[in-house]
Every structure is written in structure tokens, then in C-alpha cells.
C-alpha atoms as a PDB file:
ATOM      1  CA  MET A   1      -4.664 -33.142   0.513  1.00  0.00           C
ATOM      2  CA  GLU A   2      -3.161 -29.678   0.805  1.00  0.00           C
ATOM      3  CA  ASN A   3      -0.475 -28.197  -1.434  1.00  0.00           C
ATOM      4  CA  LYS A   4       1.832 -25.988   0.629  1.00  0.00           C
ATOM      5  CA  SER A   5       4.417 -25.091  -1.994  1.00  0.00           C
ATOM      6  CA  THR A   6       5.303 -21.412  -2.013  1.00  0.00           C
ATOM      7  CA  SER A   7       4.968 -21.046  -5.772  1.00  0.00           C
ATOM      8  CA  PHE A   8       1.454 -22.518  -5.690  1.00  0.00           C
ATOM      9  CA  GLN A   9       0.418 -20.177  -2.881  1.00  0.00           C
ATOM     10  CA  VAL A  10       1.867 -17.106  -4.620  1.00  0.00           C
ATOM     11  CA  PHE A  11       0.219 -18.111  -7.905  1.00  0.00           C
ATOM     12  CA  SER A  12      -3.132 -18.641  -6.138  1.00  0.00           C
ATOM     13  CA  PHE A  13      -2.894 -15.263  -4.402  1.00  0.00           C
ATOM     14  CA  LEU A  14      -2.013 -13.418  -7.614  1.00  0.00           C
ATOM     15  CA  THR A  15      -4.786 -15.190  -9.519  1.00  0.00           C
ATOM     16  CA  ALA A  16      -7.342 -14.221  -6.873  1.00  0.00           C
ATOM     17  CA  ALA A  17      -6.099 -10.605  -6.803  1.00  0.00           C
ATOM     18  CA  LEU A  18      -6.260 -10.307 -10.586  1.00  0.00           C
ATOM     19  CA  ALA A  19      -9.748 -11.836 -10.634  1.00  0.00           C
ATOM     20  CA  ILE A  20     -10.947  -9.299  -8.055  1.00  0.00           C
ATOM     21  CA  ILE A  21      -9.396  -6.389  -9.955  1.00  0.00           C
ATOM     22  CA  ALA A  22     -10.863  -7.625 -13.258  1.00  0.00           C
ATOM     23  CA  GLY A  23     -14.283  -7.942 -11.603  1.00  0.00           C
ATOM     24  CA  LEU A  24     -14.094  -4.395 -10.287  1.00  0.00           C
ATOM     25  CA  ILE A  25     -13.106  -3.058 -13.712  1.00  0.00           C
ATOM     26  CA  ILE A  26     -15.830  -5.004 -15.532  1.00  0.00           C
ATOM     27  CA  GLY A  27     -18.393  -4.006 -12.900  1.00  0.00           C
ATOM     28  CA  GLY A  28     -17.599  -0.335 -13.420  1.00  0.00           C
ATOM     29  CA  LYS A  29     -16.342   0.169  -9.867  1.00  0.00           C
ATOM     30  CA  VAL A  30     -12.873   1.175 -11.113  1.00  0.00           C
ATOM     31  CA  ASP A  31     -12.715   4.023 -13.590  1.00  0.00           C
ATOM     32  CA  ASP A  32      -9.848   5.729 -15.409  1.00  0.00           C
ATOM     33  CA  ARG A  33      -8.858   7.784 -12.340  1.00  0.00           C
ATOM     34  CA  TRP A  34      -7.636   4.593 -10.661  1.00  0.00           C
ATOM     35  CA  PHE A  35      -4.975   4.391 -13.360  1.00  0.00           C
ATOM     36  CA  GLY A  36      -4.256   8.120 -13.567  1.00  0.00           C
ATOM     37  CA  LEU A  37      -4.092  10.319 -10.476  1.00  0.00           C
ATOM     38  CA  TYR A  38      -4.055   7.561  -7.915  1.00  0.00           C
ATOM     39  CA  GLY A  39      -2.659   4.782 -10.071  1.00  0.00           C
ATOM     40  CA  ALA A  40       0.513   4.459  -8.022  1.00  0.00           C
ATOM     41  CA  ALA A  41      -1.468   4.353  -4.773  1.00  0.00           C
ATOM     42  CA  ALA A  42      -3.815   1.740  -6.247  1.00  0.00           C
ATOM     43  CA  ALA A  43      -0.828  -0.352  -7.361  1.00  0.00           C
ATOM     44  CA  VAL A  44       0.659  -0.123  -3.862  1.00  0.00           C
ATOM     45  CA  LEU A  45      -2.632  -1.263  -2.332  1.00  0.00           C
ATOM     46  CA  ALA A  46      -2.834  -4.153  -4.778  1.00  0.00           C
ATOM     47  CA  GLY A  47       0.692  -5.306  -3.921  1.00  0.00           C
ATOM     48  CA  LEU A  48       0.595  -4.817  -0.142  1.00  0.00           C
ATOM     49  CA  PRO A  49      -1.129  -8.103   0.723  1.00  0.00           C
ATOM     50  CA  LEU A  50       1.541 -10.062  -1.145  1.00  0.00           C
ATOM     51  CA  LEU A  51       4.348  -8.076   0.498  1.00  0.00           C
ATOM     52  CA  GLN A  52       2.759  -8.551   3.919  1.00  0.00           C
ATOM     53  CA  TRP A  53       2.353 -12.283   3.319  1.00  0.00           C
ATOM     54  CA  LEU A  54       5.972 -12.673   2.168  1.00  0.00           C
ATOM     55  CA  LEU A  55       7.356 -10.752   5.138  1.00  0.00           C
ATOM     56  CA  TRP A  56       5.036 -12.467   7.632  1.00  0.00           C
ATOM     57  CA  ARG A  57       5.996 -15.886   6.299  1.00  0.00           C
ATOM     58  CA  GLY A  58       9.716 -15.061   6.082  1.00  0.00           C
ATOM     59  CA  LEU A  59       9.897 -13.805   9.651  1.00  0.00           C
ATOM     60  CA  SER A  60       7.867 -16.754  10.918  1.00  0.00           C
ATOM     61  CA  ARG A  61      10.071 -19.339   9.184  1.00  0.00           C
ATOM     62  CA  ARG A  62      13.153 -17.825  10.799  1.00  0.00           C
ATOM     63  CA  GLY A  63      11.634 -17.932  14.280  1.00  0.00           C
ATOM     64  CA  ARG A  64      11.306 -14.155  14.537  1.00  0.00           C
ATOM     65  CA  SER A  65       8.307 -12.107  15.571  1.00  0.00           C
ATOM     66  CA  ARG A  66       6.009 -11.488  12.606  1.00  0.00           C
ATOM     67  CA  TRP A  67       4.609  -8.202  13.865  1.00  0.00           C
ATOM     68  CA  PRO A  68       7.456  -5.956  12.626  1.00  0.00           C
ATOM     69  CA  SER A  69       6.255  -6.709   9.085  1.00  0.00           C
ATOM     70  CA  LEU A  70       3.431  -4.280   9.805  1.00  0.00           C
ATOM     71  CA  LEU A  71       6.042  -1.529  10.223  1.00  0.00           C
ATOM     72  CA  VAL A  72       6.732  -1.965   6.514  1.00  0.00           C
ATOM     73  CA  THR A  73       3.235  -2.407   5.121  1.00  0.00           C
ATOM     74  CA  ALA A  74       1.012  -0.282   7.396  1.00  0.00           C
ATOM     75  CA  PRO A  75       2.618   3.105   6.574  1.00  0.00           C
ATOM     76  CA  LEU A  76       2.447   2.316   2.852  1.00  0.00           C
ATOM     77  CA  GLY A  77      -1.210   1.324   3.114  1.00  0.00           C
ATOM     78  CA  ILE A  78      -2.123   4.401   5.139  1.00  0.00           C
ATOM     79  CA  ALA A  79      -0.337   6.709   2.704  1.00  0.00           C
ATOM     80  CA  ALA A  80      -1.963   5.036  -0.315  1.00  0.00           C
ATOM     81  CA  LEU A  81      -5.438   5.214   1.240  1.00  0.00           C
ATOM     82  CA  ALA A  82      -4.894   8.876   2.152  1.00  0.00           C
ATOM     83  CA  GLN A  83      -3.849   9.657  -1.435  1.00  0.00           C
ATOM     84  CA  ILE A  84      -6.863   7.864  -2.914  1.00  0.00           C
ATOM     85  CA  GLY A  85      -9.196   9.393  -0.331  1.00  0.00           C
ATOM     86  CA  PHE A  86      -7.912  12.901  -1.005  1.00  0.00           C
ATOM     87  CA  TRP A  87      -8.411  12.684  -4.765  1.00  0.00           C
ATOM     88  CA  ALA A  88     -11.758  10.902  -4.446  1.00  0.00           C
ATOM     89  CA  ALA A  89     -13.014  13.675  -2.143  1.00  0.00           C
ATOM     90  CA  PHE A  90     -11.386  16.352  -4.324  1.00  0.00           C
ATOM     91  CA  PHE A  91     -13.231  15.207  -7.446  1.00  0.00           C
ATOM     92  CA  GLY A  92     -16.336  14.028  -5.614  1.00  0.00           C
ATOM     93  CA  ASP A  93     -17.343  17.437  -4.291  1.00  0.00           C
ATOM     94  CA  PRO A  94     -16.184  20.530  -6.238  1.00  0.00           C
ATOM     95  CA  GLY A  95     -17.146  22.775  -3.335  1.00  0.00           C
ATOM     96  CA  MET A  96     -14.802  20.911  -1.044  1.00  0.00           C
ATOM     97  CA  ALA A  97     -11.953  20.805  -3.589  1.00  0.00           C
ATOM     98  CA  VAL A  98     -10.708  24.313  -2.798  1.00  0.00           C
ATOM     99  CA  ASN A  99     -10.726  23.674   0.947  1.00  0.00           C
ATOM    100  CA  LEU A 100      -8.921  20.364   0.518  1.00  0.00           C
ATOM    101  CA  GLY A 101      -6.291  22.007  -1.668  1.00  0.00           C
ATOM    102  CA  VAL A 102      -5.708  24.788   0.853  1.00  0.00           C
ATOM    103  CA  VAL A 103      -5.432  22.382   3.787  1.00  0.00           C
ATOM    104  CA  ARG A 104      -3.110  20.068   1.865  1.00  0.00           C
ATOM    105  CA  GLY A 105      -0.888  23.006   0.899  1.00  0.00           C
ATOM    106  CA  ALA A 106      -0.780  24.302   4.479  1.00  0.00           C
ATOM    107  CA  LEU A 107       0.053  20.860   5.869  1.00  0.00           C
ATOM    108  CA  TRP A 108       2.798  20.360   3.297  1.00  0.00           C
ATOM    109  CA  ASP A 109       4.283  23.799   4.086  1.00  0.00           C
ATOM    110  CA  PHE A 110       4.535  22.772   7.740  1.00  0.00           C
ATOM    111  CA  LEU A 111       5.353  19.053   7.451  1.00  0.00           C
ATOM    112  CA  GLY A 112       7.271  19.090   4.165  1.00  0.00           C
ATOM    113  CA  GLN A 113      10.504  20.008   5.892  1.00  0.00           C
ATOM    114  CA  TYR A 114      10.401  16.691   7.768  1.00  0.00           C
ATOM    115  CA  ALA A 115       9.569  14.530   4.740  1.00  0.00           C
ATOM    116  CA  GLY A 116      13.184  13.601   4.011  1.00  0.00           C
ATOM    117  CA  ALA A 117      13.818  12.484   7.589  1.00  0.00           C
ATOM    118  CA  VAL A 118      10.589  10.471   7.666  1.00  0.00           C
ATOM    119  CA  VAL A 119      11.545   8.683   4.436  1.00  0.00           C
ATOM    120  CA  VAL A 120      15.039   7.882   5.735  1.00  0.00           C
ATOM    121  CA  ILE A 121      13.647   6.500   9.015  1.00  0.00           C
ATOM    122  CA  TYR A 122      11.033   4.459   7.144  1.00  0.00           C
ATOM    123  CA  LEU A 123      13.665   3.043   4.767  1.00  0.00           C
ATOM    124  CA  ALA A 124      15.956   2.132   7.681  1.00  0.00           C
ATOM    125  CA  ILE A 125      13.170   0.308   9.549  1.00  0.00           C
ATOM    126  CA  SER A 126      11.946  -1.393   6.370  1.00  0.00           C
ATOM    127  CA  SER A 127      15.452  -2.504   5.433  1.00  0.00           C
ATOM    128  CA  PHE A 128      15.962  -4.010   8.877  1.00  0.00           C
ATOM    129  CA  VAL A 129      12.659  -5.914   8.744  1.00  0.00           C
ATOM    130  CA  ILE A 130      13.208  -7.136   5.172  1.00  0.00           C
ATOM    131  CA  VAL A 131      16.761  -8.311   5.930  1.00  0.00           C
ATOM    132  CA  ASN A 132      15.474 -10.223   8.948  1.00  0.00           C
ATOM    133  CA  ALA A 133      12.728 -11.794   6.835  1.00  0.00           C
ATOM    134  CA  VAL A 134      15.077 -13.129   4.165  1.00  0.00           C
ATOM    135  CA  ARG A 135      18.233 -13.856   6.147  1.00  0.00           C
END
């Protein structure tokens, strides 16, 4: 017999996610940097599967294509992984830290002027997908 209630599924997912996170902390795989420099990125990565599941399920129940949900979650996941990867590499190899800082600064000088437009476009697409998932 299978329980398909939404609250049970959400509770099961959150319980599994918390158990995995607790195991990583206890096992020493997650140190204090996960809650400092890349804490926000780690929190985004922890919440993305639930957001993806909710959007995927919401779009599916309304007879809409589920694939646009990836337009919401994929950019967030890529940005979070890039943030974590940058800081992990920055602190992992002091010799590479200066080069990474210079490259990041140069990229931001060039791409920073487009950041506002990118955020507005992302928010517009995300709003459209989320509205379609819940309406």
C-alpha cells in the first residue's frame, strides 16, 4: 500500500535531506565554511530538490509541460555550485587564490553591468513558471 499524500511526501523528503546533511556534518565532510562563506549557496542547493519537485508536480497536475521548471532551478543550482567551487578552490590552493581573485574581478568588471538585466529576466521567467505551477 502506497501513501501518496503531499504532506507525507514532503515530510519524507525533508527527513531524508536532513538525515543526509546530519550525516555529512557528523562525518566531517561539512566544515564551518559551509555555513560561512558559502552558506547561502549551500542552503540554495539543499532547497533546490524540494523546489524542483514542487514545480514539477504542480505543472504536471495542471497538464502543463514540466520542463520549464528547470528554467527556475537550473540557474540557481549552477550559480550555487559556481560559488561553492570558487571558494573551495580559493581556499584549497593559496597559489591559485590570487589568480582566481583577478579573474573573478575582471569578469565582474565586464559582466557586472548586465547583472541587473539578467536578474530581471530570470525573475520574469521564474514568476511565469511558478504562476503556471500553482494556478
